[in-house]
Full PDB file with SEQRES, HELIX, SHEET, SSBOND, CRYST1, ORIGX, SCALE, CONECT and MASTER records, all heavy atoms in Angstrom:
SEQRES   1 A   44  ARG ASN PHE ASN ASP GLY GLY MET LYS GLN GLU VAL VAL          
SEQRES   2 A   44  VAL THR PRO GLY GLN ALA TYR ARG LEU THR GLY TYR ALA          
SEQRES   3 A   44  TRP VAL PRO SER GLY SER VAL ALA THR ALA TRP GLY SER          
SEQRES   4 A   44  TYR ILE GLN LEU LYS                                          
CRYST1    1.000    1.000    1.000  90.00  90.00  90.00 P 1           1          
ORIGX1      1.000000  0.000000  0.000000        0.00000                         
ORIGX2      0.000000  1.000000  0.000000        0.00000                         
ORIGX3      0.000000  0.000000  1.000000        0.00000                         
SCALE1      1.000000  0.000000  0.000000        0.00000                         
SCALE2      0.000000  1.000000  0.000000        0.00000                         
SCALE3      0.000000  0.000000  1.000000        0.00000                         
ATOM      1  N   ARG A   1      11.210   0.276   5.325  1.00  0.00           N  
ATOM      2  CA  ARG A   1      11.834  -0.441   4.206  1.00  0.00           C  
ATOM      3  C   ARG A   1      11.330  -1.871   4.143  1.00  0.00           C  
ATOM      4  O   ARG A   1      11.303  -2.589   5.137  1.00  0.00           O  
ATOM      5  CB  ARG A   1      13.359  -0.433   4.321  1.00  0.00           C  
ATOM      6  CG  ARG A   1      14.068  -1.284   3.266  1.00  0.00           C  
ATOM      7  CD  ARG A   1      15.463  -0.800   2.996  1.00  0.00           C  
ATOM      8  NE  ARG A   1      15.443   0.538   2.427  1.00  0.00           N  
ATOM      9  CZ  ARG A   1      16.533   1.309   2.283  1.00  0.00           C  
ATOM     10  NH1 ARG A   1      17.707   0.865   2.690  1.00  0.00           N  
ATOM     11  NH2 ARG A   1      16.420   2.515   1.755  1.00  0.00           N  
ATOM     12  N   ASN A   2      10.934  -2.271   2.943  1.00  0.00           N  
ATOM     13  CA  ASN A   2      10.580  -3.654   2.653  1.00  0.00           C  
ATOM     14  C   ASN A   2      11.769  -4.251   1.912  1.00  0.00           C  
ATOM     15  O   ASN A   2      12.037  -3.901   0.759  1.00  0.00           O  
ATOM     16  CB  ASN A   2       9.314  -3.696   1.791  1.00  0.00           C  
ATOM     17  CG  ASN A   2       8.751  -5.090   1.670  1.00  0.00           C  
ATOM     18  OD1 ASN A   2       9.453  -6.066   1.864  1.00  0.00           O  
ATOM     19  ND2 ASN A   2       7.483  -5.183   1.317  1.00  0.00           N  
ATOM     20  N   PHE A   3      12.472  -5.156   2.564  1.00  0.00           N  
ATOM     21  CA  PHE A   3      13.706  -5.684   1.994  1.00  0.00           C  
ATOM     22  C   PHE A   3      13.455  -6.743   0.925  1.00  0.00           C  
ATOM     23  O   PHE A   3      14.362  -7.086   0.166  1.00  0.00           O  
ATOM     24  CB  PHE A   3      14.594  -6.265   3.098  1.00  0.00           C  
ATOM     25  CG  PHE A   3      15.177  -5.208   3.997  1.00  0.00           C  
ATOM     26  CD1 PHE A   3      14.521  -4.821   5.152  1.00  0.00           C  
ATOM     27  CD2 PHE A   3      16.364  -4.579   3.669  1.00  0.00           C  
ATOM     28  CE1 PHE A   3      15.050  -3.844   5.982  1.00  0.00           C  
ATOM     29  CE2 PHE A   3      16.901  -3.600   4.486  1.00  0.00           C  
ATOM     30  CZ  PHE A   3      16.241  -3.233   5.648  1.00  0.00           C  
ATOM     31  N   ASN A   4      12.250  -7.271   0.869  1.00  0.00           N  
ATOM     32  CA  ASN A   4      11.970  -8.299  -0.137  1.00  0.00           C  
ATOM     33  C   ASN A   4      10.473  -8.361  -0.387  1.00  0.00           C  
ATOM     34  O   ASN A   4       9.910  -7.501  -1.032  1.00  0.00           O  
ATOM     35  CB  ASN A   4      12.527  -9.652   0.314  1.00  0.00           C  
ATOM     36  CG  ASN A   4      12.512 -10.700  -0.774  1.00  0.00           C  
ATOM     37  OD1 ASN A   4      12.233 -10.393  -1.928  1.00  0.00           O  
ATOM     38  ND2 ASN A   4      12.807 -11.928  -0.425  1.00  0.00           N  
ATOM     39  N   ASP A   5       9.821  -9.367   0.159  1.00  0.00           N  
ATOM     40  CA  ASP A   5       8.395  -9.597  -0.040  1.00  0.00           C  
ATOM     41  C   ASP A   5       7.700  -9.432   1.315  1.00  0.00           C  
ATOM     42  O   ASP A   5       7.943 -10.206   2.242  1.00  0.00           O  
ATOM     43  CB  ASP A   5       8.189 -11.014  -0.591  1.00  0.00           C  
ATOM     44  CG  ASP A   5       6.732 -11.340  -0.856  1.00  0.00           C  
ATOM     45  OD1 ASP A   5       5.857 -10.819  -0.149  1.00  0.00           O  
ATOM     46  OD2 ASP A   5       6.458 -12.139  -1.758  1.00  0.00           O  
ATOM     47  N   GLY A   6       6.842  -8.419   1.439  1.00  0.00           N  
ATOM     48  CA  GLY A   6       6.165  -8.215   2.713  1.00  0.00           C  
ATOM     49  C   GLY A   6       5.178  -7.067   2.647  1.00  0.00           C  
ATOM     50  O   GLY A   6       5.220  -6.233   1.740  1.00  0.00           O  
ATOM     51  N   GLY A   7       4.275  -7.030   3.618  1.00  0.00           N  
ATOM     52  CA  GLY A   7       3.272  -5.973   3.670  1.00  0.00           C  
ATOM     53  C   GLY A   7       2.853  -5.676   5.102  1.00  0.00           C  
ATOM     54  O   GLY A   7       2.988  -6.524   5.987  1.00  0.00           O  
ATOM     55  N   MET A   8       2.340  -4.469   5.332  1.00  0.00           N  
ATOM     56  CA  MET A   8       1.903  -4.052   6.654  1.00  0.00           C  
ATOM     57  C   MET A   8       0.505  -3.461   6.570  1.00  0.00           C  
ATOM     58  O   MET A   8       0.040  -3.056   5.502  1.00  0.00           O  
ATOM     59  CB  MET A   8       2.871  -3.042   7.262  1.00  0.00           C  
ATOM     60  CG  MET A   8       4.313  -3.511   7.314  1.00  0.00           C  
ATOM     61  SD  MET A   8       5.305  -2.597   8.527  1.00  0.00           S  
ATOM     62  CE  MET A   8       4.889  -3.513  10.015  1.00  0.00           C  
ATOM     63  N   LYS A   9      -0.161  -3.386   7.733  1.00  0.00           N  
ATOM     64  CA  LYS A   9      -1.523  -2.855   7.781  1.00  0.00           C  
ATOM     65  C   LYS A   9      -1.759  -2.154   9.107  1.00  0.00           C  
ATOM     66  O   LYS A   9      -1.018  -2.328  10.082  1.00  0.00           O  
ATOM     67  CB  LYS A   9      -2.549  -3.984   7.621  1.00  0.00           C  
ATOM     68  CG  LYS A   9      -2.576  -4.933   8.816  1.00  0.00           C  
ATOM     69  CD  LYS A   9      -3.621  -6.028   8.656  1.00  0.00           C  
ATOM     70  CE  LYS A   9      -3.619  -6.953   9.876  1.00  0.00           C  
ATOM     71  NZ  LYS A   9      -4.567  -8.063   9.732  1.00  0.00           N  
ATOM     72  N   GLN A  10      -2.834  -1.373   9.138  1.00  0.00           N  
ATOM     73  CA  GLN A  10      -3.310  -0.740  10.356  1.00  0.00           C  
ATOM     74  C   GLN A  10      -4.814  -0.530  10.212  1.00  0.00           C  
ATOM     75  O   GLN A  10      -5.292  -0.186   9.116  1.00  0.00           O  
ATOM     76  CB  GLN A  10      -2.612   0.602  10.589  1.00  0.00           C  
ATOM     77  CG  GLN A  10      -2.903   1.207  11.947  1.00  0.00           C  
ATOM     78  CD  GLN A  10      -2.042   2.415  12.273  1.00  0.00           C  
ATOM     79  OE1 GLN A  10      -2.472   3.300  13.028  1.00  0.00           O  
ATOM     80  NE2 GLN A  10      -0.828   2.474  11.731  1.00  0.00           N  
ATOM     81  N   GLU A  11      -5.557  -0.747  11.289  1.00  0.00           N  
ATOM     82  CA  GLU A  11      -7.007  -0.595  11.257  1.00  0.00           C  
ATOM     83  C   GLU A  11      -7.445   0.525  12.193  1.00  0.00           C  
ATOM     84  O   GLU A  11      -6.901   0.671  13.291  1.00  0.00           O  
ATOM     85  CB  GLU A  11      -7.701  -1.907  11.649  1.00  0.00           C  
ATOM     86  CG  GLU A  11      -7.469  -3.032  10.656  1.00  0.00           C  
ATOM     87  CD  GLU A  11      -8.193  -4.321  11.031  1.00  0.00           C  
ATOM     88  OE1 GLU A  11      -8.898  -4.315  12.063  1.00  0.00           O  
ATOM     89  OE2 GLU A  11      -8.045  -5.319  10.306  1.00  0.00           O  
ATOM     90  N   VAL A  12      -8.421   1.309  11.749  1.00  0.00           N  
ATOM     91  CA  VAL A  12      -8.955   2.408  12.548  1.00  0.00           C  
ATOM     92  C   VAL A  12     -10.481   2.378  12.467  1.00  0.00           C  
ATOM     93  O   VAL A  12     -11.057   1.907  11.483  1.00  0.00           O  
ATOM     94  CB  VAL A  12      -8.421   3.771  12.080  1.00  0.00           C  
ATOM     95  CG1 VAL A  12      -6.915   3.843  12.211  1.00  0.00           C  
ATOM     96  CG2 VAL A  12      -8.843   4.058  10.644  1.00  0.00           C  
ATOM     97  N   VAL A  13     -11.125   2.894  13.490  1.00  0.00           N  
ATOM     98  CA  VAL A  13     -12.588   2.981  13.528  1.00  0.00           C  
ATOM     99  C   VAL A  13     -13.048   4.128  12.627  1.00  0.00           C  
ATOM    100  O   VAL A  13     -12.443   5.206  12.613  1.00  0.00           O  
ATOM    101  CB  VAL A  13     -13.084   3.201  14.967  1.00  0.00           C  
ATOM    102  CG1 VAL A  13     -14.594   3.408  14.998  1.00  0.00           C  
ATOM    103  CG2 VAL A  13     -12.691   2.010  15.842  1.00  0.00           C  
ATOM    104  N   VAL A  14     -14.123   3.904  11.863  1.00  0.00           N  
ATOM    105  CA  VAL A  14     -14.675   4.936  10.986  1.00  0.00           C  
ATOM    106  C   VAL A  14     -16.158   5.137  11.284  1.00  0.00           C  
ATOM    107  O   VAL A  14     -16.797   4.308  11.935  1.00  0.00           O  
ATOM    108  CB  VAL A  14     -14.492   4.578   9.499  1.00  0.00           C  
ATOM    109  CG1 VAL A  14     -13.020   4.522   9.130  1.00  0.00           C  
ATOM    110  CG2 VAL A  14     -15.181   3.267   9.163  1.00  0.00           C  
ATOM    111  N   THR A  15     -16.686   6.247  10.788  1.00  0.00           N  
ATOM    112  CA  THR A  15     -18.096   6.584  10.941  1.00  0.00           C  
ATOM    113  C   THR A  15     -18.800   6.434   9.598  1.00  0.00           C  
ATOM    114  O   THR A  15     -18.388   7.078   8.618  1.00  0.00           O  
ATOM    115  CB  THR A  15     -18.262   8.028  11.433  1.00  0.00           C  
ATOM    116  OG1 THR A  15     -17.586   8.177  12.693  1.00  0.00           O  
ATOM    117  CG2 THR A  15     -19.734   8.380  11.603  1.00  0.00           C  
ATOM    118  N   PRO A  16     -19.826   5.608   9.493  1.00  0.00           N  
ATOM    119  CA  PRO A  16     -20.554   5.469   8.227  1.00  0.00           C  
ATOM    120  C   PRO A  16     -21.075   6.826   7.732  1.00  0.00           C  
ATOM    121  O   PRO A  16     -21.569   7.638   8.513  1.00  0.00           O  
ATOM    122  CB  PRO A  16     -21.712   4.532   8.583  1.00  0.00           C  
ATOM    123  CG  PRO A  16     -21.215   3.749   9.753  1.00  0.00           C  
ATOM    124  CD  PRO A  16     -20.362   4.706  10.537  1.00  0.00           C  
ATOM    125  N   GLY A  17     -20.926   7.058   6.434  1.00  0.00           N  
ATOM    126  CA  GLY A  17     -21.365   8.310   5.846  1.00  0.00           C  
ATOM    127  C   GLY A  17     -20.325   9.412   5.862  1.00  0.00           C  
ATOM    128  O   GLY A  17     -20.475  10.422   5.176  1.00  0.00           O  
ATOM    129  N   GLN A  18     -19.257   9.226   6.637  1.00  0.00           N  
ATOM    130  CA  GLN A  18     -18.174  10.209   6.698  1.00  0.00           C  
ATOM    131  C   GLN A  18     -17.199   9.967   5.541  1.00  0.00           C  
ATOM    132  O   GLN A  18     -16.868   8.832   5.222  1.00  0.00           O  
ATOM    133  CB  GLN A  18     -17.435  10.112   8.032  1.00  0.00           C  
ATOM    134  CG  GLN A  18     -16.140  10.907   8.133  1.00  0.00           C  
ATOM    135  CD  GLN A  18     -16.361  12.402   8.127  1.00  0.00           C  
ATOM    136  OE1 GLN A  18     -17.137  12.910   8.916  1.00  0.00           O  
ATOM    137  NE2 GLN A  18     -15.685  13.105   7.230  1.00  0.00           N  
ATOM    138  N   ALA A  19     -16.728  11.033   4.919  1.00  0.00           N  
ATOM    139  CA  ALA A  19     -15.733  10.918   3.857  1.00  0.00           C  
ATOM    140  C   ALA A  19     -14.333  10.874   4.456  1.00  0.00           C  
ATOM    141  O   ALA A  19     -14.029  11.602   5.413  1.00  0.00           O  
ATOM    142  CB  ALA A  19     -15.856  12.086   2.884  1.00  0.00           C  
ATOM    143  N   TYR A  20     -13.480  10.021   3.889  1.00  0.00           N  
ATOM    144  CA  TYR A  20     -12.097   9.877   4.326  1.00  0.00           C  
ATOM    145  C   TYR A  20     -11.180   9.909   3.112  1.00  0.00           C  
ATOM    146  O   TYR A  20     -11.610   9.695   1.974  1.00  0.00           O  
ATOM    147  CB  TYR A  20     -11.894   8.556   5.074  1.00  0.00           C  
ATOM    148  CG  TYR A  20     -12.668   8.447   6.358  1.00  0.00           C  
ATOM    149  CD1 TYR A  20     -13.969   7.946   6.361  1.00  0.00           C  
ATOM    150  CD2 TYR A  20     -12.115   8.840   7.570  1.00  0.00           C  
ATOM    151  CE1 TYR A  20     -14.693   7.843   7.546  1.00  0.00           C  
ATOM    152  CE2 TYR A  20     -12.828   8.743   8.756  1.00  0.00           C  
ATOM    153  CZ  TYR A  20     -14.116   8.247   8.726  1.00  0.00           C  
ATOM    154  OH  TYR A  20     -14.826   8.153   9.894  1.00  0.00           O  
ATOM    155  N   ARG A  21      -9.906  10.140   3.382  1.00  0.00           N  
ATOM    156  CA  ARG A  21      -8.911  10.162   2.305  1.00  0.00           C  
ATOM    157  C   ARG A  21      -7.615   9.540   2.810  1.00  0.00           C  
ATOM    158  O   ARG A  21      -7.134   9.897   3.897  1.00  0.00           O  
ATOM    159  CB  ARG A  21      -8.661  11.597   1.847  1.00  0.00           C  
ATOM    160  CG  ARG A  21      -7.685  11.726   0.680  1.00  0.00           C  
ATOM    161  CD  ARG A  21      -7.537  13.185   0.297  1.00  0.00           C  
ATOM    162  NE  ARG A  21      -6.691  13.379  -0.864  1.00  0.00           N  
ATOM    163  CZ  ARG A  21      -6.377  14.577  -1.359  1.00  0.00           C  
ATOM    164  NH1 ARG A  21      -6.858  15.670  -0.787  1.00  0.00           N  
ATOM    165  NH2 ARG A  21      -5.599  14.670  -2.429  1.00  0.00           N  
ATOM    166  N   LEU A  22      -7.061   8.643   2.024  1.00  0.00           N  
ATOM    167  CA  LEU A  22      -5.784   7.996   2.349  1.00  0.00           C  
ATOM    168  C   LEU A  22      -4.717   8.466   1.380  1.00  0.00           C  
ATOM    169  O   LEU A  22      -4.917   8.437   0.157  1.00  0.00           O  
ATOM    170  CB  LEU A  22      -5.916   6.475   2.262  1.00  0.00           C  
ATOM    171  CG  LEU A  22      -4.602   5.676   2.336  1.00  0.00           C  
ATOM    172  CD1 LEU A  22      -3.935   5.837   3.704  1.00  0.00           C  
ATOM    173  CD2 LEU A  22      -4.856   4.199   2.030  1.00  0.00           C  
ATOM    174  N   THR A  23      -3.590   8.896   1.933  1.00  0.00           N  
ATOM    175  CA  THR A  23      -2.426   9.217   1.119  1.00  0.00           C  
ATOM    176  C   THR A  23      -1.200   8.536   1.719  1.00  0.00           C  
ATOM    177  O   THR A  23      -1.139   8.280   2.926  1.00  0.00           O  
ATOM    178  CB  THR A  23      -2.174  10.736   1.038  1.00  0.00           C  
ATOM    179  OG1 THR A  23      -1.985  11.262   2.366  1.00  0.00           O  
ATOM    180  CG2 THR A  23      -3.330  11.452   0.367  1.00  0.00           C  
ATOM    181  N   GLY A  24      -0.226   8.257   0.892  1.00  0.00           N  
ATOM    182  CA  GLY A  24       1.016   7.651   1.338  1.00  0.00           C  
ATOM    183  C   GLY A  24       2.014   7.650   0.198  1.00  0.00           C  
ATOM    184  O   GLY A  24       1.650   7.826  -0.978  1.00  0.00           O  
ATOM    185  N   TYR A  25       3.280   7.465   0.532  1.00  0.00           N  
ATOM    186  CA  TYR A  25       4.339   7.519  -0.465  1.00  0.00           C  
ATOM    187  C   TYR A  25       5.051   6.169  -0.572  1.00  0.00           C  
ATOM    188  O   TYR A  25       5.273   5.488   0.430  1.00  0.00           O  
ATOM    189  CB  TYR A  25       5.366   8.601  -0.100  1.00  0.00           C  
ATOM    190  CG  TYR A  25       4.851  10.006  -0.272  1.00  0.00           C  
ATOM    191  CD1 TYR A  25       4.144  10.628   0.755  1.00  0.00           C  
ATOM    192  CD2 TYR A  25       5.053  10.701  -1.455  1.00  0.00           C  
ATOM    193  CE1 TYR A  25       3.673  11.923   0.609  1.00  0.00           C  
ATOM    194  CE2 TYR A  25       4.577  12.004  -1.612  1.00  0.00           C  
ATOM    195  CZ  TYR A  25       3.894  12.608  -0.577  1.00  0.00           C  
ATOM    196  OH  TYR A  25       3.415  13.883  -0.719  1.00  0.00           O  
ATOM    197  N   ALA A  26       5.428   5.825  -1.809  1.00  0.00           N  
ATOM    198  CA  ALA A  26       6.188   4.599  -2.056  1.00  0.00           C  
ATOM    199  C   ALA A  26       7.333   4.888  -3.018  1.00  0.00           C  
ATOM    200  O   ALA A  26       7.155   5.632  -3.999  1.00  0.00           O  
ATOM    201  CB  ALA A  26       5.289   3.507  -2.631  1.00  0.00           C  
ATOM    202  N   TRP A  27       8.475   4.323  -2.701  1.00  0.00           N  
ATOM    203  CA  TRP A  27       9.653   4.385  -3.570  1.00  0.00           C  
ATOM    204  C   TRP A  27       9.901   2.967  -4.085  1.00  0.00           C  
ATOM    205  O   TRP A  27      10.205   2.065  -3.312  1.00  0.00           O  
ATOM    206  CB  TRP A  27      10.858   4.885  -2.777  1.00  0.00           C  
ATOM    207  CG  TRP A  27      12.101   5.190  -3.579  1.00  0.00           C  
ATOM    208  CD1 TRP A  27      12.508   6.404  -4.037  1.00  0.00           C  
ATOM    209  CD2 TRP A  27      13.124   4.266  -3.976  1.00  0.00           C  
ATOM    210  NE1 TRP A  27      13.709   6.298  -4.701  1.00  0.00           N  
ATOM    211  CE2 TRP A  27      14.108   4.992  -4.680  1.00  0.00           C  
ATOM    212  CE3 TRP A  27      13.298   2.888  -3.810  1.00  0.00           C  
ATOM    213  CZ2 TRP A  27      15.249   4.403  -5.209  1.00  0.00           C  
ATOM    214  CZ3 TRP A  27      14.432   2.290  -4.355  1.00  0.00           C  
ATOM    215  CH2 TRP A  27      15.392   3.039  -5.037  1.00  0.00           C  
ATOM    216  N   VAL A  28       9.720   2.802  -5.384  1.00  0.00           N  
ATOM    217  CA  VAL A  28       9.816   1.468  -5.985  1.00  0.00           C  
ATOM    218  C   VAL A  28      10.964   1.461  -6.985  1.00  0.00           C  
ATOM    219  O   VAL A  28      11.002   2.302  -7.890  1.00  0.00           O  
ATOM    220  CB  VAL A  28       8.496   1.091  -6.691  1.00  0.00           C  
ATOM    221  CG1 VAL A  28       8.601  -0.296  -7.305  1.00  0.00           C  
ATOM    222  CG2 VAL A  28       7.342   1.133  -5.697  1.00  0.00           C  
ATOM    223  N   PRO A  29      11.900   0.517  -6.858  1.00  0.00           N  
ATOM    224  CA  PRO A  29      13.046   0.495  -7.773  1.00  0.00           C  
ATOM    225  C   PRO A  29      12.685  -0.087  -9.131  1.00  0.00           C  
ATOM    226  O   PRO A  29      11.656  -0.736  -9.302  1.00  0.00           O  
ATOM    227  CB  PRO A  29      14.046  -0.413  -7.041  1.00  0.00           C  
ATOM    228  CG  PRO A  29      13.178  -1.355  -6.285  1.00  0.00           C  
ATOM    229  CD  PRO A  29      11.979  -0.555  -5.851  1.00  0.00           C  
ATOM    230  N   SER A  30      13.543   0.138 -10.084  1.00  0.00           N  
ATOM    231  CA  SER A  30      13.374  -0.473 -11.394  1.00  0.00           C  
ATOM    232  C   SER A  30      13.514  -1.981 -11.276  1.00  0.00           C  
ATOM    233  O   SER A  30      14.294  -2.490 -10.467  1.00  0.00           O  
ATOM    234  CB  SER A  30      14.431   0.065 -12.366  1.00  0.00           C  
ATOM    235  OG  SER A  30      14.309   1.465 -12.502  1.00  0.00           O  
ATOM    236  N   GLY A  31      12.747  -2.698 -12.070  1.00  0.00           N  
ATOM    237  CA  GLY A  31      12.802  -4.162 -12.024  1.00  0.00           C  
ATOM    238  C   GLY A  31      12.779  -4.735 -13.428  1.00  0.00           C  
ATOM    239  O   GLY A  31      12.126  -4.196 -14.323  1.00  0.00           O  
ATOM    240  N   SER A  32      13.466  -5.829 -13.617  1.00  0.00           N  
ATOM    241  CA  SER A  32      13.581  -6.408 -14.958  1.00  0.00           C  
ATOM    242  C   SER A  32      12.444  -7.366 -15.277  1.00  0.00           C  
ATOM    243  O   SER A  32      12.110  -7.568 -16.443  1.00  0.00           O  
ATOM    244  CB  SER A  32      14.921  -7.137 -15.097  1.00  0.00           C  
ATOM    245  OG  SER A  32      15.034  -8.146 -14.103  1.00  0.00           O  
ATOM    246  N   VAL A  33      11.831  -7.988 -14.263  1.00  0.00           N  
ATOM    247  CA  VAL A  33      10.759  -8.955 -14.497  1.00  0.00           C  
ATOM    248  C   VAL A  33       9.446  -8.294 -14.084  1.00  0.00           C  
ATOM    249  O   VAL A  33       9.007  -8.405 -12.954  1.00  0.00           O  
ATOM    250  CB  VAL A  33      10.998 -10.260 -13.718  1.00  0.00           C  
ATOM    251  CG1 VAL A  33       9.946 -11.304 -14.093  1.00  0.00           C  
ATOM    252  CG2 VAL A  33      12.393 -10.801 -13.994  1.00  0.00           C  
ATOM    253  N   ALA A  34       8.813  -7.623 -15.025  1.00  0.00           N  
ATOM    254  CA  ALA A  34       7.678  -6.761 -14.686  1.00  0.00           C  
ATOM    255  C   ALA A  34       6.450  -7.538 -14.236  1.00  0.00           C  
ATOM    256  O   ALA A  34       5.609  -7.012 -13.515  1.00  0.00           O  
ATOM    257  CB  ALA A  34       7.320  -5.889 -15.887  1.00  0.00           C  
ATOM    258  N   THR A  35       6.310  -8.792 -14.630  1.00  0.00           N  
ATOM    259  CA  THR A  35       5.096  -9.545 -14.306  1.00  0.00           C  
ATOM    260  C   THR A  35       5.230 -10.345 -13.013  1.00  0.00           C  
ATOM    261  O   THR A  35       4.282 -11.007 -12.604  1.00  0.00           O  
ATOM    262  CB  THR A  35       4.771 -10.522 -15.441  1.00  0.00           C  
ATOM    263  OG1 THR A  35       5.867 -11.447 -15.611  1.00  0.00           O  
ATOM    264  CG2 THR A  35       4.530  -9.789 -16.742  1.00  0.00           C  
ATOM    265  N   ALA A  36       6.388 -10.288 -12.373  1.00  0.00           N  
ATOM    266  CA  ALA A  36       6.643 -11.198 -11.256  1.00  0.00           C  
ATOM    267  C   ALA A  36       6.385 -10.589  -9.890  1.00  0.00           C  
ATOM    268  O   ALA A  36       6.548 -11.264  -8.891  1.00  0.00           O  
ATOM    269  CB  ALA A  36       8.084 -11.705 -11.322  1.00  0.00           C  
ATOM    270  N   TRP A  37       5.972  -9.351  -9.815  1.00  0.00           N  
ATOM    271  CA  TRP A  37       5.832  -8.707  -8.518  1.00  0.00           C  
ATOM    272  C   TRP A  37       4.887  -7.512  -8.639  1.00  0.00           C  
ATOM    273  O   TRP A  37       4.487  -7.113  -9.730  1.00  0.00           O  
ATOM    274  CB  TRP A  37       7.196  -8.251  -8.000  1.00  0.00           C  
ATOM    275  CG  TRP A  37       7.869  -7.270  -8.924  1.00  0.00           C  
ATOM    276  CD1 TRP A  37       8.560  -7.573 -10.072  1.00  0.00           C  
ATOM    277  CD2 TRP A  37       7.881  -5.859  -8.817  1.00  0.00           C  
ATOM    278  NE1 TRP A  37       9.001  -6.431 -10.681  1.00  0.00           N  
ATOM    279  CE2 TRP A  37       8.607  -5.351  -9.928  1.00  0.00           C  
ATOM    280  CE3 TRP A  37       7.370  -4.952  -7.894  1.00  0.00           C  
ATOM    281  CZ2 TRP A  37       8.819  -3.995 -10.139  1.00  0.00           C  
ATOM    282  CZ3 TRP A  37       7.577  -3.600  -8.100  1.00  0.00           C  
ATOM    283  CH2 TRP A  37       8.304  -3.139  -9.215  1.00  0.00           C  
ATOM    284  N   GLY A  38       4.561  -6.936  -7.518  1.00  0.00           N  
ATOM    285  CA  GLY A  38       3.722  -5.744  -7.500  1.00  0.00           C  
ATOM    286  C   GLY A  38       3.928  -4.962  -6.212  1.00  0.00           C  
ATOM    287  O   GLY A  38       4.360  -5.521  -5.201  1.00  0.00           O  
ATOM    288  N   SER A  39       3.629  -3.663  -6.250  1.00  0.00           N  
ATOM    289  CA  SER A  39       3.665  -2.803  -5.064  1.00  0.00           C  
ATOM    290  C   SER A  39       2.390  -1.981  -5.038  1.00  0.00           C  
ATOM    291  O   SER A  39       1.938  -1.496  -6.075  1.00  0.00           O  
ATOM    292  CB  SER A  39       4.875  -1.872  -5.092  1.00  0.00           C  
ATOM    293  OG  SER A  39       6.080  -2.580  -4.879  1.00  0.00           O  
ATOM    294  N   TYR A  40       1.811  -1.816  -3.866  1.00  0.00           N  
ATOM    295  CA  TYR A  40       0.507  -1.169  -3.792  1.00  0.00           C  
ATOM    296  C   TYR A  40       0.313  -0.442  -2.464  1.00  0.00           C  
ATOM    297  O   TYR A  40       0.985  -0.707  -1.468  1.00  0.00           O  
ATOM    298  CB  TYR A  40      -0.611  -2.206  -3.962  1.00  0.00           C  
ATOM    299  CG  TYR A  40      -0.734  -3.138  -2.773  1.00  0.00           C  
ATOM    300  CD1 TYR A  40      -1.645  -2.872  -1.760  1.00  0.00           C  
ATOM    301  CD2 TYR A  40       0.085  -4.254  -2.637  1.00  0.00           C  
ATOM    302  CE1 TYR A  40      -1.757  -3.693  -0.660  1.00  0.00           C  
ATOM    303  CE2 TYR A  40      -0.009  -5.076  -1.534  1.00  0.00           C  
ATOM    304  CZ  TYR A  40      -0.925  -4.793  -0.546  1.00  0.00           C  
ATOM    305  OH  TYR A  40      -1.012  -5.608   0.554  1.00  0.00           O  
ATOM    306  N   ILE A  41      -0.657   0.475  -2.476  1.00  0.00           N  
ATOM    307  CA  ILE A  41      -1.231   1.093  -1.283  1.00  0.00           C  
ATOM    308  C   ILE A  41      -2.727   0.867  -1.386  1.00  0.00           C  
ATOM    309  O   ILE A  41      -3.321   1.070  -2.449  1.00  0.00           O  
ATOM    310  CB  ILE A  41      -0.896   2.592  -1.205  1.00  0.00           C  
ATOM    311  CG1 ILE A  41       0.614   2.785  -0.979  1.00  0.00           C  
ATOM    312  CG2 ILE A  41      -1.692   3.277  -0.096  1.00  0.00           C  
ATOM    313  CD1 ILE A  41       1.068   4.236  -1.078  1.00  0.00           C  
ATOM    314  N   GLN A  42      -3.363   0.453  -0.287  1.00  0.00           N  
ATOM    315  CA  GLN A  42      -4.764   0.042  -0.372  1.00  0.00           C  
ATOM    316  C   GLN A  42      -5.564   0.476   0.849  1.00  0.00           C  
ATOM    317  O   GLN A  42      -5.045   0.522   1.967  1.00  0.00           O  
ATOM    318  CB  GLN A  42      -4.849  -1.478  -0.531  1.00  0.00           C  
ATOM    319  CG  GLN A  42      -6.256  -2.014  -0.782  1.00  0.00           C  
ATOM    320  CD  GLN A  42      -6.270  -3.525  -0.978  1.00  0.00           C  
ATOM    321  OE1 GLN A  42      -5.810  -4.263  -0.111  1.00  0.00           O  
ATOM    322  NE2 GLN A  42      -6.781  -3.978  -2.112  1.00  0.00           N  
ATOM    323  N   LEU A  43      -6.838   0.773   0.604  1.00  0.00           N  
ATOM    324  CA  LEU A  43      -7.801   1.073   1.658  1.00  0.00           C  
ATOM    325  C   LEU A  43      -8.983   0.126   1.521  1.00  0.00           C  
ATOM    326  O   LEU A  43      -9.535  -0.028   0.430  1.00  0.00           O  
ATOM    327  CB  LEU A  43      -8.286   2.525   1.542  1.00  0.00           C  
ATOM    328  CG  LEU A  43      -9.530   2.920   2.348  1.00  0.00           C  
ATOM    329  CD1 LEU A  43      -9.276   2.773   3.839  1.00  0.00           C  
ATOM    330  CD2 LEU A  43      -9.972   4.337   2.004  1.00  0.00           C  
ATOM    331  N   LYS A  44      -9.354  -0.520   2.622  1.00  0.00           N  
ATOM    332  CA  LYS A  44     -10.547  -1.359   2.666  1.00  0.00           C  
ATOM    333  C   LYS A  44     -11.436  -0.917   3.818  1.00  0.00           C  
ATOM    334  O   LYS A  44     -10.954  -0.703   4.932  1.00  0.00           O  
ATOM    335  CB  LYS A  44     -10.189  -2.840   2.906  1.00  0.00           C  
ATOM    336  CG  LYS A  44      -9.638  -3.595   1.725  1.00  0.00           C  
ATOM    337  CD  LYS A  44      -9.424  -5.063   2.106  1.00  0.00           C  
ATOM    338  CE  LYS A  44      -8.859  -5.882   0.965  1.00  0.00           C  
ATOM    339  NZ  LYS A  44      -8.659  -7.301   1.370  1.00  0.00           N  
TER     340      LYS A  44                                                      
MASTER        0    0    0    0    0    0    0    6  339    1    0    4          
END                                                                             
């Protein structure tokens, strides 16, 4: 649970040329100020 503003990460070793896939789930509540915040899942 993210109670307000925050983010987490994890790093793993990869092999160049190997294909990978990231999946994850997020539950995001309704918000009245649509331009003031964001929620994301990301792979770098």
